[in-house]
């Protein structure tokens, strides 16, 4: 359920920026949530037993793809989080909204 909520919020912000149509914004949000969930899964594996070389490359590839997707959607990356207990990716939303205990400077988290 949390992913649906994140997709809806991201879609609304992407559409409000005005660079994308509502349909494109919804697709961008779904892609971002899918990528960040994959990154969250790798963070869990890294915490439990460490990553193999292949998984390290996949993690770097996911981070690159997330950055590209954010740029295309008009959103700004705040930081990546490697701790599996939190969100995998934090964004700076246009209105300064946040959903974590880190407050406004930490940003809006997406991922599991």
C-alpha atoms as a PDB file:
ATOM      1  CA  UNK A   1       0.000   0.000   0.000  1.00  0.00           C
ATOM      2  CA  UNK A   2       2.827   2.386   0.791  1.00  0.00           C
ATOM      3  CA  UNK A   3       4.129   2.146  -2.783  1.00  0.00           C
ATOM      4  CA  UNK A   4       0.720   3.183  -4.165  1.00  0.00           C
ATOM      5  CA  UNK A   5       0.719   6.235  -1.929  1.00  0.00           C
ATOM      6  CA  UNK A   6       4.263   7.139  -2.944  1.00  0.00           C
ATOM      7  CA  UNK A   7       3.380   6.744  -6.615  1.00  0.00           C
ATOM      8  CA  UNK A   8       0.363   9.023  -6.219  1.00  0.00           C
ATOM      9  CA  UNK A   9       2.336  11.722  -4.406  1.00  0.00           C
ATOM     10  CA  UNK A  10       5.231  11.582  -6.873  1.00  0.00           C
ATOM     11  CA  UNK A  11       2.870  11.620  -9.828  1.00  0.00           C
ATOM     12  CA  UNK A  12       1.150  14.721  -8.472  1.00  0.00           C
ATOM     13  CA  UNK A  13       4.447  16.546  -7.939  1.00  0.00           C
ATOM     14  CA  UNK A  14       5.799  15.597 -11.354  1.00  0.00           C
ATOM     15  CA  UNK A  15       2.577  16.761 -13.042  1.00  0.00           C
ATOM     16  CA  UNK A  16       2.566  19.999 -11.010  1.00  0.00           C
ATOM     17  CA  UNK A  17       6.022  20.933 -12.263  1.00  0.00           C
ATOM     18  CA  UNK A  18       4.516  21.111 -15.735  1.00  0.00           C
ATOM     19  CA  UNK A  19       7.186  19.265 -17.695  1.00  0.00           C
ATOM     20  CA  UNK A  20       5.133  16.076 -18.079  1.00  0.00           C
ATOM     21  CA  UNK A  21       1.511  15.221 -18.821  1.00  0.00           C
ATOM     22  CA  UNK A  22      -0.444  13.479 -16.047  1.00  0.00           C
ATOM     23  CA  UNK A  23      -0.118  10.145 -17.838  1.00  0.00           C
ATOM     24  CA  UNK A  24       3.640  10.552 -18.278  1.00  0.00           C
ATOM     25  CA  UNK A  25       3.936  11.696 -14.663  1.00  0.00           C
ATOM     26  CA  UNK A  26       2.161   8.543 -13.464  1.00  0.00           C
ATOM     27  CA  UNK A  27       4.493   6.371 -15.543  1.00  0.00           C
ATOM     28  CA  UNK A  28       7.575   8.237 -14.238  1.00  0.00           C
ATOM     29  CA  UNK A  29       6.376   7.793 -10.654  1.00  0.00           C
ATOM     30  CA  UNK A  30       5.756   4.069 -11.167  1.00  0.00           C
ATOM     31  CA  UNK A  31       9.226   3.643 -12.699  1.00  0.00           C
ATOM     32  CA  UNK A  32      10.876   5.537  -9.843  1.00  0.00           C
ATOM     33  CA  UNK A  33       9.083   3.462  -7.208  1.00  0.00           C
ATOM     34  CA  UNK A  34      10.043   0.230  -8.972  1.00  0.00           C
ATOM     35  CA  UNK A  35      13.703   1.273  -9.177  1.00  0.00           C
ATOM     36  CA  UNK A  36      13.858   2.430  -5.556  1.00  0.00           C
ATOM     37  CA  UNK A  37      12.244  -0.800  -4.341  1.00  0.00           C
ATOM     38  CA  UNK A  38      14.961  -2.744  -6.162  1.00  0.00           C
ATOM     39  CA  UNK A  39      17.586  -0.538  -4.519  1.00  0.00           C
ATOM     40  CA  UNK A  40      15.976  -1.122  -1.108  1.00  0.00           C
ATOM     41  CA  UNK A  41      16.176  -4.866  -1.668  1.00  0.00           C
ATOM     42  CA  UNK A  42      19.904  -4.603  -2.442  1.00  0.00           C
ATOM     43  CA  UNK A  43      20.374  -2.529   0.734  1.00  0.00           C
ATOM     44  CA  UNK A  44      18.797  -5.362   2.727  1.00  0.00           C
ATOM     45  CA  UNK A  45      21.092  -7.931   1.119  1.00  0.00           C
ATOM     46  CA  UNK A  46      24.122  -5.738   1.806  1.00  0.00           C
ATOM     47  CA  UNK A  47      23.162  -5.495   5.463  1.00  0.00           C
ATOM     48  CA  UNK A  48      22.527  -9.211   5.888  1.00  0.00           C
ATOM     49  CA  UNK A  49      25.427 -10.807   4.048  1.00  0.00           C
ATOM     50  CA  UNK A  50      27.164  -8.261   1.826  1.00  0.00           C
ATOM     51  CA  UNK A  51      26.955  -7.758  -1.914  1.00  0.00           C
ATOM     52  CA  UNK A  52      28.696  -9.702  -4.634  1.00  0.00           C
ATOM     53  CA  UNK A  53      30.523  -7.835  -7.388  1.00  0.00           C
ATOM     54  CA  UNK A  54      27.551  -8.304  -9.673  1.00  0.00           C
ATOM     55  CA  UNK A  55      25.176  -6.901  -7.060  1.00  0.00           C
ATOM     56  CA  UNK A  56      27.513  -3.923  -6.517  1.00  0.00           C
ATOM     57  CA  UNK A  57      27.398  -3.186 -10.250  1.00  0.00           C
ATOM     58  CA  UNK A  58      23.615  -3.541 -10.212  1.00  0.00           C
ATOM     59  CA  UNK A  59      23.387  -1.102  -7.308  1.00  0.00           C
ATOM     60  CA  UNK A  60      25.515   1.463  -9.171  1.00  0.00           C
ATOM     61  CA  UNK A  61      23.403   0.935 -12.287  1.00  0.00           C
ATOM     62  CA  UNK A  62      20.180   1.435 -10.305  1.00  0.00           C
ATOM     63  CA  UNK A  63      21.494   4.653  -8.768  1.00  0.00           C
ATOM     64  CA  UNK A  64      22.443   5.955 -12.217  1.00  0.00           C
ATOM     65  CA  UNK A  65      19.018   5.048 -13.607  1.00  0.00           C
ATOM     66  CA  UNK A  66      17.275   6.698 -10.650  1.00  0.00           C
ATOM     67  CA  UNK A  67      19.259   9.915 -11.168  1.00  0.00           C
ATOM     68  CA  UNK A  68      18.348   9.927 -14.865  1.00  0.00           C
ATOM     69  CA  UNK A  69      14.670   9.272 -14.119  1.00  0.00           C
ATOM     70  CA  UNK A  70      14.600  12.090 -11.571  1.00  0.00           C
ATOM     71  CA  UNK A  71      16.198  14.534 -13.991  1.00  0.00           C
ATOM     72  CA  UNK A  72      13.706  13.559 -16.692  1.00  0.00           C
ATOM     73  CA  UNK A  73      10.813  14.070 -14.296  1.00  0.00           C
ATOM     74  CA  UNK A  74      12.132  17.420 -13.064  1.00  0.00           C
ATOM     75  CA  UNK A  75      12.797  16.286  -9.489  1.00  0.00           C
ATOM     76  CA  UNK A  76      15.957  16.836  -7.449  1.00  0.00           C
ATOM     77  CA  UNK A  77      17.837  14.064  -5.638  1.00  0.00           C
ATOM     78  CA  UNK A  78      18.700  14.851  -2.025  1.00  0.00           C
ATOM     79  CA  UNK A  79      20.672  11.665  -1.259  1.00  0.00           C
ATOM     80  CA  UNK A  80      20.772   7.880  -1.408  1.00  0.00           C
ATOM     81  CA  UNK A  81      20.395   5.985   1.854  1.00  0.00           C
ATOM     82  CA  UNK A  82      22.216   2.657   2.303  1.00  0.00           C
ATOM     83  CA  UNK A  83      20.484   1.782   5.581  1.00  0.00           C
ATOM     84  CA  UNK A  84      17.766  -0.819   4.897  1.00  0.00           C
ATOM     85  CA  UNK A  85      15.650   0.486   7.791  1.00  0.00           C
ATOM     86  CA  UNK A  86      14.838   3.715   5.980  1.00  0.00           C
ATOM     87  CA  UNK A  87      13.879   4.893   2.526  1.00  0.00           C
ATOM     88  CA  UNK A  88      16.389   4.164  -0.231  1.00  0.00           C
ATOM     89  CA  UNK A  89      16.149   7.551  -1.974  1.00  0.00           C
ATOM     90  CA  UNK A  90      15.386  11.020  -0.674  1.00  0.00           C
ATOM     91  CA  UNK A  91      14.144  13.832  -2.912  1.00  0.00           C
ATOM     92  CA  UNK A  92      13.783  17.567  -2.564  1.00  0.00           C
ATOM     93  CA  UNK A  93      10.182  18.300  -3.538  1.00  0.00           C
ATOM     94  CA  UNK A  94       9.218  21.749  -4.860  1.00  0.00           C
ATOM     95  CA  UNK A  95       7.137  22.691  -1.814  1.00  0.00           C
ATOM     96  CA  UNK A  96       9.649  21.337   0.726  1.00  0.00           C
ATOM     97  CA  UNK A  97       7.450  18.448   1.885  1.00  0.00           C
ATOM     98  CA  UNK A  98       9.088  15.657   3.861  1.00  0.00           C
ATOM     99  CA  UNK A  99       7.950  12.313   5.260  1.00  0.00           C
ATOM    100  CA  UNK A 100      10.780  11.303   7.565  1.00  0.00           C
ATOM    101  CA  UNK A 101      12.158  12.211  10.951  1.00  0.00           C
ATOM    102  CA  UNK A 102      15.075  13.990   9.271  1.00  0.00           C
ATOM    103  CA  UNK A 103      12.863  16.961   8.553  1.00  0.00           C
ATOM    104  CA  UNK A 104      12.933  19.298   5.594  1.00  0.00           C
ATOM    105  CA  UNK A 105      16.703  19.043   5.058  1.00  0.00           C
ATOM    106  CA  UNK A 106      16.440  15.241   4.701  1.00  0.00           C
ATOM    107  CA  UNK A 107      13.660  15.432   2.105  1.00  0.00           C
ATOM    108  CA  UNK A 108      10.889  13.152   0.920  1.00  0.00           C
ATOM    109  CA  UNK A 109      11.775   9.452   1.019  1.00  0.00           C
ATOM    110  CA  UNK A 110      10.749   6.833  -1.505  1.00  0.00           C
ATOM    111  CA  UNK A 111      11.388   3.099  -1.454  1.00  0.00           C
ATOM    112  CA  UNK A 112      10.246   0.371   0.866  1.00  0.00           C
END
